[in-house]
Amino acid sequence: MTTAPAGAPPLMPHRLAVLRTDAELSFFVAGKMPGLNELVRAKGSSVKTKSGKVIVGMAYGGLKKRWQRAVADSLMLAGIARQTPGLWRFEFQFREPDRKRNKDNIAAGARKFIFDALQECGVLKNDGWDEIDDWHDSFAVVAADAAGVAVRMVRV
């Protein structure tokens, strides 16, 4: 079993351990989510169509769809559906298989897709100031098959 580094909060629930109340929700997105560097590379990439037209950012759209689907599946597994409007505080625990990527890179990319997916799935009305109060990030190195992001939402 993997433990949190000294001084870090304890590891949050993994995969099937789900917490749901009116004031608190949790879910786990399995897999090594793309970091900010991957998003920037995907956004700047281009694809040439059969007609010769160059479309910039095509890879980003595919990446976003893939990870929004993964977040949506995680919400469904956790039994989280549409919520009433409210202000939420988030706790993210980024579980990485190694220390190769910088923490700010990991968090920025994954948070972007998670917030967008929460909005797309109707869990959040929007991903702005009226819905997101604050967030806290923590990090843990885990076995490769346990990589992912544990998310805890607390109504403020």
N, C-alpha and C. Protein backbone atom coordinates (compact mmCIF):
# COMPACT_ATOMS: atom_id res chain seq x y z
N MET A 1 0.84 -1.19 0.00
CA MET A 1 0.00 0.00 0.00
C MET A 1 0.88 1.24 0.00
N THR A 2 0.52 2.21 -0.78
CA THR A 2 1.27 3.44 -0.87
C THR A 2 0.77 4.41 0.19
N THR A 3 1.70 5.11 0.80
CA THR A 3 1.33 6.10 1.80
C THR A 3 1.70 7.47 1.30
N ALA A 4 1.07 8.47 1.88
CA ALA A 4 1.36 9.85 1.49
C ALA A 4 2.72 10.26 2.02
N PRO A 5 3.42 11.16 1.33
CA PRO A 5 4.70 11.66 1.82
C PRO A 5 4.51 12.37 3.16
N ALA A 6 5.60 12.46 3.92
CA ALA A 6 5.55 13.12 5.22
C ALA A 6 5.00 14.54 5.07
N GLY A 7 4.05 14.89 5.92
CA GLY A 7 3.46 16.22 5.91
C GLY A 7 2.32 16.39 4.92
N ALA A 8 2.10 15.40 4.07
CA ALA A 8 1.00 15.49 3.09
C ALA A 8 -0.26 14.89 3.69
N PRO A 9 -1.43 15.29 3.19
CA PRO A 9 -2.66 14.69 3.68
C PRO A 9 -2.70 13.21 3.31
N PRO A 10 -3.46 12.41 4.04
CA PRO A 10 -3.53 10.98 3.71
C PRO A 10 -4.12 10.77 2.32
N LEU A 11 -3.80 9.63 1.73
CA LEU A 11 -4.32 9.32 0.40
C LEU A 11 -5.83 9.28 0.43
N MET A 12 -6.45 9.86 -0.56
CA MET A 12 -7.91 9.86 -0.65
C MET A 12 -8.37 8.54 -1.24
N PRO A 13 -9.69 8.26 -1.18
CA PRO A 13 -10.22 6.98 -1.66
C PRO A 13 -9.80 6.68 -3.09
N HIS A 14 -9.67 5.40 -3.39
CA HIS A 14 -9.26 4.95 -4.71
C HIS A 14 -10.41 4.21 -5.38
N ARG A 15 -10.63 4.48 -6.62
CA ARG A 15 -11.59 3.84 -7.51
C ARG A 15 -12.97 3.58 -6.92
N LEU A 16 -13.17 2.49 -6.18
CA LEU A 16 -14.51 2.12 -5.78
C LEU A 16 -14.98 2.75 -4.47
N ALA A 17 -14.06 3.29 -3.70
CA ALA A 17 -14.45 3.94 -2.45
C ALA A 17 -14.98 5.32 -2.81
N VAL A 18 -16.25 5.53 -2.61
CA VAL A 18 -16.90 6.77 -3.05
C VAL A 18 -17.62 7.41 -1.88
N LEU A 19 -17.52 8.71 -1.78
CA LEU A 19 -18.21 9.45 -0.74
C LEU A 19 -19.19 10.39 -1.42
N ARG A 20 -20.47 10.29 -1.03
CA ARG A 20 -21.48 11.17 -1.59
C ARG A 20 -22.42 11.62 -0.49
N THR A 21 -22.51 12.92 -0.29
CA THR A 21 -23.52 13.52 0.57
C THR A 21 -23.96 14.78 -0.13
N ASP A 22 -24.89 15.52 0.45
CA ASP A 22 -25.30 16.78 -0.16
C ASP A 22 -24.18 17.80 -0.17
N ALA A 23 -23.25 17.66 0.78
CA ALA A 23 -22.20 18.65 0.94
C ALA A 23 -20.84 18.17 0.48
N GLU A 24 -20.72 16.91 0.09
CA GLU A 24 -19.41 16.38 -0.25
C GLU A 24 -19.52 15.27 -1.30
N LEU A 25 -18.67 15.36 -2.32
CA LEU A 25 -18.63 14.36 -3.38
C LEU A 25 -17.17 13.97 -3.62
N SER A 26 -16.93 12.73 -3.98
CA SER A 26 -15.58 12.33 -4.36
C SER A 26 -15.63 11.34 -5.51
N PHE A 27 -14.59 11.38 -6.33
CA PHE A 27 -14.47 10.45 -7.44
C PHE A 27 -13.00 10.31 -7.81
N PHE A 28 -12.70 9.29 -8.59
CA PHE A 28 -11.32 9.01 -9.00
C PHE A 28 -11.26 8.86 -10.51
N VAL A 29 -10.35 9.60 -11.15
CA VAL A 29 -10.13 9.49 -12.59
C VAL A 29 -8.85 8.68 -12.77
N ALA A 30 -9.00 7.47 -13.29
CA ALA A 30 -7.86 6.58 -13.45
C ALA A 30 -7.02 6.98 -14.65
N GLY A 31 -5.71 6.83 -14.51
CA GLY A 31 -4.79 7.07 -15.62
C GLY A 31 -3.97 8.32 -15.43
N LYS A 32 -2.89 8.39 -16.15
CA LYS A 32 -1.97 9.53 -16.10
C LYS A 32 -2.51 10.62 -17.02
N MET A 33 -3.19 11.60 -16.42
CA MET A 33 -3.81 12.66 -17.22
C MET A 33 -2.74 13.56 -17.84
N PRO A 34 -3.06 14.18 -18.97
CA PRO A 34 -2.08 15.05 -19.62
C PRO A 34 -1.79 16.28 -18.77
N GLY A 35 -0.54 16.70 -18.80
CA GLY A 35 -0.13 17.92 -18.12
C GLY A 35 -0.22 19.11 -19.06
N LEU A 36 0.13 20.27 -18.54
CA LEU A 36 0.06 21.49 -19.33
C LEU A 36 0.95 21.42 -20.57
N ASN A 37 2.13 20.84 -20.46
CA ASN A 37 3.02 20.75 -21.62
C ASN A 37 2.36 19.95 -22.75
N GLU A 38 1.68 18.85 -22.41
CA GLU A 38 0.99 18.06 -23.43
C GLU A 38 -0.15 18.85 -24.07
N LEU A 39 -0.85 19.65 -23.25
CA LEU A 39 -1.95 20.47 -23.80
C LEU A 39 -1.42 21.52 -24.77
N VAL A 40 -0.34 22.17 -24.41
CA VAL A 40 0.23 23.21 -25.27
C VAL A 40 0.71 22.59 -26.58
N ARG A 41 1.39 21.44 -26.49
CA ARG A 41 1.84 20.76 -27.72
C ARG A 41 0.66 20.37 -28.60
N ALA A 42 -0.39 19.83 -27.99
CA ALA A 42 -1.57 19.40 -28.75
C ALA A 42 -2.28 20.59 -29.38
N LYS A 43 -2.36 21.70 -28.65
CA LYS A 43 -3.04 22.89 -29.16
C LYS A 43 -2.31 23.47 -30.36
N GLY A 44 -0.98 23.37 -30.36
CA GLY A 44 -0.19 23.94 -31.45
C GLY A 44 0.02 22.99 -32.62
N SER A 45 -0.41 21.76 -32.47
CA SER A 45 -0.22 20.79 -33.55
C SER A 45 -1.20 21.07 -34.68
N SER A 46 -0.90 20.56 -35.85
CA SER A 46 -1.81 20.76 -36.98
C SER A 46 -2.01 19.44 -37.73
N VAL A 47 -3.15 19.37 -38.39
CA VAL A 47 -3.50 18.20 -39.19
C VAL A 47 -3.90 18.69 -40.57
N LYS A 48 -3.43 17.99 -41.60
CA LYS A 48 -3.78 18.34 -42.97
C LYS A 48 -4.90 17.42 -43.44
N THR A 49 -6.01 18.00 -43.89
CA THR A 49 -7.15 17.21 -44.37
C THR A 49 -6.88 16.71 -45.79
N LYS A 50 -7.75 15.83 -46.28
CA LYS A 50 -7.61 15.30 -47.64
C LYS A 50 -7.65 16.40 -48.68
N SER A 51 -8.40 17.46 -48.40
CA SER A 51 -8.51 18.56 -49.36
C SER A 51 -7.31 19.51 -49.29
N GLY A 52 -6.39 19.25 -48.33
CA GLY A 52 -5.20 20.08 -48.21
C GLY A 52 -5.33 21.19 -47.18
N LYS A 53 -6.49 21.32 -46.58
CA LYS A 53 -6.70 22.35 -45.57
C LYS A 53 -5.96 21.96 -44.28
N VAL A 54 -5.29 22.93 -43.68
CA VAL A 54 -4.56 22.68 -42.43
C VAL A 54 -5.42 23.16 -41.26
N ILE A 55 -5.66 22.24 -40.33
CA ILE A 55 -6.45 22.56 -39.14
C ILE A 55 -5.52 22.53 -37.94
N VAL A 56 -5.41 23.66 -37.26
CA VAL A 56 -4.54 23.77 -36.09
C VAL A 56 -5.32 23.41 -34.84
N GLY A 57 -4.69 22.68 -33.93
CA GLY A 57 -5.31 22.35 -32.65
C GLY A 57 -6.17 21.11 -32.67
N MET A 58 -6.15 20.34 -33.74
CA MET A 58 -7.00 19.15 -33.86
C MET A 58 -6.67 18.12 -32.79
N ALA A 59 -5.39 17.95 -32.48
CA ALA A 59 -4.98 16.97 -31.47
C ALA A 59 -5.52 17.35 -30.09
N TYR A 60 -5.59 18.65 -29.82
CA TYR A 60 -6.11 19.12 -28.53
C TYR A 60 -7.57 18.70 -28.37
N GLY A 61 -8.36 18.87 -29.41
CA GLY A 61 -9.77 18.49 -29.34
C GLY A 61 -9.96 17.02 -29.02
N GLY A 62 -9.15 16.17 -29.65
CA GLY A 62 -9.23 14.74 -29.39
C GLY A 62 -8.81 14.39 -27.97
N LEU A 63 -7.76 15.05 -27.51
CA LEU A 63 -7.27 14.85 -26.14
C LEU A 63 -8.32 15.28 -25.13
N LYS A 64 -8.94 16.43 -25.38
CA LYS A 64 -9.96 16.94 -24.47
C LYS A 64 -11.16 16.00 -24.42
N LYS A 65 -11.62 15.53 -25.57
CA LYS A 65 -12.76 14.60 -25.62
C LYS A 65 -12.46 13.32 -24.85
N ARG A 66 -11.27 12.79 -25.07
CA ARG A 66 -10.90 11.53 -24.42
C ARG A 66 -10.93 11.66 -22.90
N TRP A 67 -10.34 12.74 -22.37
CA TRP A 67 -10.26 12.88 -20.92
C TRP A 67 -11.56 13.38 -20.31
N GLN A 68 -12.35 14.13 -21.05
CA GLN A 68 -13.68 14.48 -20.54
C GLN A 68 -14.55 13.23 -20.44
N ARG A 69 -14.39 12.32 -21.38
CA ARG A 69 -15.13 11.05 -21.32
C ARG A 69 -14.67 10.24 -20.10
N ALA A 70 -13.37 10.23 -19.83
CA ALA A 70 -12.85 9.50 -18.66
C ALA A 70 -13.40 10.10 -17.36
N VAL A 71 -13.48 11.42 -17.29
CA VAL A 71 -14.04 12.07 -16.09
C VAL A 71 -15.53 11.75 -15.99
N ALA A 72 -16.24 11.82 -17.10
CA ALA A 72 -17.68 11.50 -17.10
C ALA A 72 -17.92 10.06 -16.64
N ASP A 73 -17.10 9.13 -17.11
CA ASP A 73 -17.22 7.73 -16.69
C ASP A 73 -16.96 7.60 -15.19
N SER A 74 -15.97 8.33 -14.68
CA SER A 74 -15.66 8.30 -13.25
C SER A 74 -16.82 8.84 -12.42
N LEU A 75 -17.46 9.90 -12.91
CA LEU A 75 -18.62 10.46 -12.21
C LEU A 75 -19.76 9.45 -12.19
N MET A 76 -19.96 8.78 -13.32
CA MET A 76 -21.04 7.79 -13.40
C MET A 76 -20.76 6.63 -12.43
N LEU A 77 -19.53 6.14 -12.40
CA LEU A 77 -19.17 5.06 -11.47
C LEU A 77 -19.37 5.48 -10.02
N ALA A 78 -19.14 6.75 -9.74
CA ALA A 78 -19.29 7.27 -8.37
C ALA A 78 -20.75 7.61 -8.05
N GLY A 79 -21.63 7.51 -9.04
CA GLY A 79 -23.04 7.82 -8.82
C GLY A 79 -23.30 9.31 -8.70
N ILE A 80 -22.44 10.12 -9.31
CA ILE A 80 -22.60 11.57 -9.24
C ILE A 80 -23.30 12.04 -10.50
N ALA A 81 -24.45 12.66 -10.33
CA ALA A 81 -25.22 13.19 -11.46
C ALA A 81 -25.29 14.71 -11.33
N ARG A 82 -26.22 15.28 -12.00
CA ARG A 82 -26.38 16.74 -11.96
C ARG A 82 -26.59 17.21 -10.52
N GLN A 83 -26.00 18.34 -10.22
CA GLN A 83 -26.08 18.89 -8.87
C GLN A 83 -26.81 20.22 -8.89
N THR A 84 -27.25 20.64 -7.72
CA THR A 84 -27.84 21.97 -7.61
C THR A 84 -26.71 22.98 -7.62
N PRO A 85 -26.99 24.20 -8.07
CA PRO A 85 -25.94 25.22 -8.10
C PRO A 85 -25.38 25.45 -6.71
N GLY A 86 -24.14 25.79 -6.65
CA GLY A 86 -23.51 26.07 -5.38
C GLY A 86 -22.04 26.39 -5.56
N LEU A 87 -21.43 26.76 -4.47
CA LEU A 87 -20.02 27.08 -4.45
C LEU A 87 -19.28 25.88 -3.86
N TRP A 88 -18.22 25.43 -4.55
CA TRP A 88 -17.50 24.22 -4.15
C TRP A 88 -16.02 24.51 -3.92
N ARG A 89 -15.46 23.82 -2.96
CA ARG A 89 -14.01 23.81 -2.72
C ARG A 89 -13.52 22.43 -3.16
N PHE A 90 -12.40 22.38 -3.85
CA PHE A 90 -11.88 21.14 -4.42
C PHE A 90 -10.57 20.73 -3.76
N GLU A 91 -10.42 19.43 -3.59
CA GLU A 91 -9.15 18.84 -3.17
C GLU A 91 -8.76 17.85 -4.25
N PHE A 92 -7.60 18.07 -4.85
CA PHE A 92 -7.09 17.18 -5.88
C PHE A 92 -5.88 16.44 -5.33
N GLN A 93 -5.86 15.15 -5.52
CA GLN A 93 -4.65 14.40 -5.20
C GLN A 93 -4.19 13.74 -6.49
N PHE A 94 -3.05 14.23 -6.98
CA PHE A 94 -2.49 13.75 -8.23
C PHE A 94 -1.55 12.58 -7.91
N ARG A 95 -1.89 11.42 -8.43
CA ARG A 95 -1.13 10.20 -8.18
C ARG A 95 -0.35 9.85 -9.44
N GLU A 96 0.95 10.00 -9.34
CA GLU A 96 1.83 9.80 -10.48
C GLU A 96 2.68 8.54 -10.29
N PRO A 97 3.02 7.86 -11.40
CA PRO A 97 3.84 6.66 -11.29
C PRO A 97 5.32 6.95 -11.06
N ASP A 98 5.71 8.22 -11.21
CA ASP A 98 7.11 8.61 -11.02
C ASP A 98 7.16 10.12 -10.79
N ARG A 99 8.36 10.66 -10.69
CA ARG A 99 8.54 12.10 -10.45
C ARG A 99 9.09 12.81 -11.68
N LYS A 100 8.79 12.32 -12.85
CA LYS A 100 9.35 12.90 -14.08
C LYS A 100 8.74 14.25 -14.44
N ARG A 101 7.45 14.44 -14.15
CA ARG A 101 6.79 15.70 -14.54
C ARG A 101 6.75 16.66 -13.35
N ASN A 102 6.82 17.94 -13.64
CA ASN A 102 6.72 18.95 -12.58
C ASN A 102 5.30 19.02 -12.05
N LYS A 103 5.18 19.29 -10.76
CA LYS A 103 3.86 19.32 -10.12
C LYS A 103 2.93 20.36 -10.75
N ASP A 104 3.45 21.55 -11.06
CA ASP A 104 2.59 22.59 -11.65
C ASP A 104 2.09 22.18 -13.02
N ASN A 105 2.90 21.48 -13.78
CA ASN A 105 2.52 20.98 -15.10
C ASN A 105 1.41 19.93 -14.98
N ILE A 106 1.57 19.00 -14.06
CA ILE A 106 0.58 17.94 -13.84
C ILE A 106 -0.77 18.55 -13.48
N ALA A 107 -0.76 19.41 -12.46
CA ALA A 107 -2.00 19.96 -11.92
C ALA A 107 -2.75 20.83 -12.92
N ALA A 108 -2.03 21.68 -13.63
CA ALA A 108 -2.69 22.62 -14.55
C ALA A 108 -3.45 21.88 -15.65
N GLY A 109 -2.83 20.89 -16.24
CA GLY A 109 -3.48 20.15 -17.33
C GLY A 109 -4.67 19.34 -16.85
N ALA A 110 -4.48 18.59 -15.78
CA ALA A 110 -5.55 17.73 -15.28
C ALA A 110 -6.73 18.55 -14.76
N ARG A 111 -6.46 19.59 -14.00
CA ARG A 111 -7.54 20.43 -13.45
C ARG A 111 -8.39 21.02 -14.58
N LYS A 112 -7.75 21.48 -15.63
CA LYS A 112 -8.45 22.06 -16.77
C LYS A 112 -9.49 21.08 -17.32
N PHE A 113 -9.07 19.85 -17.59
CA PHE A 113 -9.99 18.86 -18.15
C PHE A 113 -11.06 18.45 -17.15
N ILE A 114 -10.70 18.35 -15.87
CA ILE A 114 -11.68 17.95 -14.86
C ILE A 114 -12.75 19.03 -14.70
N PHE A 115 -12.36 20.29 -14.58
CA PHE A 115 -13.34 21.37 -14.45
C PHE A 115 -14.23 21.45 -15.69
N ASP A 116 -13.64 21.34 -16.87
CA ASP A 116 -14.43 21.39 -18.10
C ASP A 116 -15.43 20.24 -18.16
N ALA A 117 -15.00 19.04 -17.76
CA ALA A 117 -15.89 17.88 -17.78
C ALA A 117 -17.01 18.02 -16.75
N LEU A 118 -16.70 18.55 -15.57
CA LEU A 118 -17.74 18.75 -14.55
C LEU A 118 -18.82 19.70 -15.08
N GLN A 119 -18.40 20.70 -15.82
CA GLN A 119 -19.36 21.63 -16.42
C GLN A 119 -20.14 20.93 -17.55
N GLU A 120 -19.44 20.23 -18.42
CA GLU A 120 -20.08 19.53 -19.54
C GLU A 120 -21.10 18.50 -19.06
N CYS A 121 -20.80 17.83 -17.95
CA CYS A 121 -21.71 16.79 -17.41
C CYS A 121 -22.83 17.37 -16.55
N GLY A 122 -22.82 18.68 -16.33
CA GLY A 122 -23.88 19.30 -15.56
C GLY A 122 -23.71 19.25 -14.06
N VAL A 123 -22.55 18.80 -13.60
CA VAL A 123 -22.29 18.78 -12.15
C VAL A 123 -22.05 20.21 -11.66
N LEU A 124 -21.36 20.98 -12.46
CA LEU A 124 -21.18 22.41 -12.19
C LEU A 124 -21.92 23.20 -13.27
N LYS A 125 -22.56 24.28 -12.87
CA LYS A 125 -23.25 25.14 -13.84
C LYS A 125 -22.22 25.80 -14.76
N ASN A 126 -21.10 26.16 -14.19
CA ASN A 126 -20.02 26.82 -14.90
C ASN A 126 -18.75 26.47 -14.15
N ASP A 127 -17.59 26.84 -14.68
CA ASP A 127 -16.36 26.62 -13.93
C ASP A 127 -15.70 27.95 -13.57
N GLY A 128 -16.57 28.91 -13.18
CA GLY A 128 -16.09 30.24 -12.83
C GLY A 128 -16.10 30.50 -11.34
N TRP A 129 -16.00 31.76 -10.99
CA TRP A 129 -15.88 32.21 -9.60
C TRP A 129 -17.12 31.88 -8.76
N ASP A 130 -18.28 31.84 -9.38
CA ASP A 130 -19.51 31.58 -8.63
C ASP A 130 -19.70 30.10 -8.29
N GLU A 131 -18.91 29.22 -8.90
CA GLU A 131 -19.04 27.79 -8.65
C GLU A 131 -17.80 27.20 -7.95
N ILE A 132 -16.64 27.77 -8.23
CA ILE A 132 -15.39 27.24 -7.67
C ILE A 132 -14.83 28.25 -6.68
N ASP A 133 -14.85 27.88 -5.40
CA ASP A 133 -14.33 28.75 -4.35
C ASP A 133 -12.81 28.72 -4.32
N ASP A 134 -12.25 27.52 -4.25
CA ASP A 134 -10.81 27.37 -4.10
C ASP A 134 -10.46 25.91 -4.36
N TRP A 135 -9.17 25.62 -4.42
CA TRP A 135 -8.74 24.22 -4.52
C TRP A 135 -7.41 24.05 -3.83
N HIS A 136 -7.14 22.81 -3.50
CA HIS A 136 -5.87 22.44 -2.87
C HIS A 136 -5.34 21.23 -3.62
N ASP A 137 -4.05 21.24 -3.91
CA ASP A 137 -3.41 20.13 -4.61
C ASP A 137 -2.48 19.38 -3.67
N SER A 138 -2.47 18.06 -3.79
CA SER A 138 -1.46 17.24 -3.14
C SER A 138 -1.00 16.20 -4.15
N PHE A 139 0.14 15.61 -3.88
CA PHE A 139 0.77 14.70 -4.85
C PHE A 139 1.28 13.46 -4.14
N ALA A 140 1.24 12.33 -4.85
CA ALA A 140 1.77 11.09 -4.33
C ALA A 140 2.35 10.28 -5.48
N VAL A 141 3.42 9.56 -5.21
CA VAL A 141 3.98 8.64 -6.18
C VAL A 141 3.43 7.26 -5.85
N VAL A 142 2.84 6.61 -6.85
CA VAL A 142 2.16 5.32 -6.66
C VAL A 142 2.59 4.35 -7.75
N ALA A 143 2.15 3.12 -7.64
CA ALA A 143 2.39 2.15 -8.70
C ALA A 143 1.70 2.63 -9.97
N ALA A 144 2.25 2.26 -11.12
CA ALA A 144 1.72 2.73 -12.40
C ALA A 144 0.23 2.41 -12.57
N ASP A 145 -0.22 1.27 -12.08
CA ASP A 145 -1.63 0.90 -12.25
C ASP A 145 -2.56 1.63 -11.29
N ALA A 146 -2.01 2.43 -10.38
CA ALA A 146 -2.82 3.21 -9.44
C ALA A 146 -2.77 4.70 -9.76
N ALA A 147 -2.16 5.07 -10.88
CA ALA A 147 -2.04 6.48 -11.26
C ALA A 147 -3.41 7.07 -11.57
N GLY A 148 -3.57 8.34 -11.31
CA GLY A 148 -4.82 9.03 -11.61
C GLY A 148 -4.97 10.25 -10.72
N VAL A 149 -6.19 10.74 -10.64
CA VAL A 149 -6.49 11.92 -9.84
C VAL A 149 -7.70 11.62 -8.96
N ALA A 150 -7.51 11.75 -7.65
CA ALA A 150 -8.62 11.64 -6.71
C ALA A 150 -9.14 13.05 -6.48
N VAL A 151 -10.44 13.22 -6.60
CA VAL A 151 -11.05 14.55 -6.47
C VAL A 151 -12.09 14.50 -5.36
N ARG A 152 -12.02 15.48 -4.49
CA ARG A 152 -13.02 15.64 -3.42
C ARG A 152 -13.59 17.04 -3.56
N MET A 153 -14.93 17.12 -3.61
CA MET A 153 -15.63 18.40 -3.74
C MET A 153 -16.39 18.63 -2.44
N VAL A 154 -16.20 19.78 -1.83
CA VAL A 154 -16.89 20.12 -0.60
C VAL A 154 -17.68 21.40 -0.82
N ARG A 155 -18.99 21.33 -0.56
CA ARG A 155 -19.84 22.52 -0.73
C ARG A 155 -19.48 23.54 0.35
N VAL A 156 -19.31 24.78 -0.07
CA VAL A 156 -18.94 25.86 0.85
C VAL A 156 -20.20 26.53 1.37
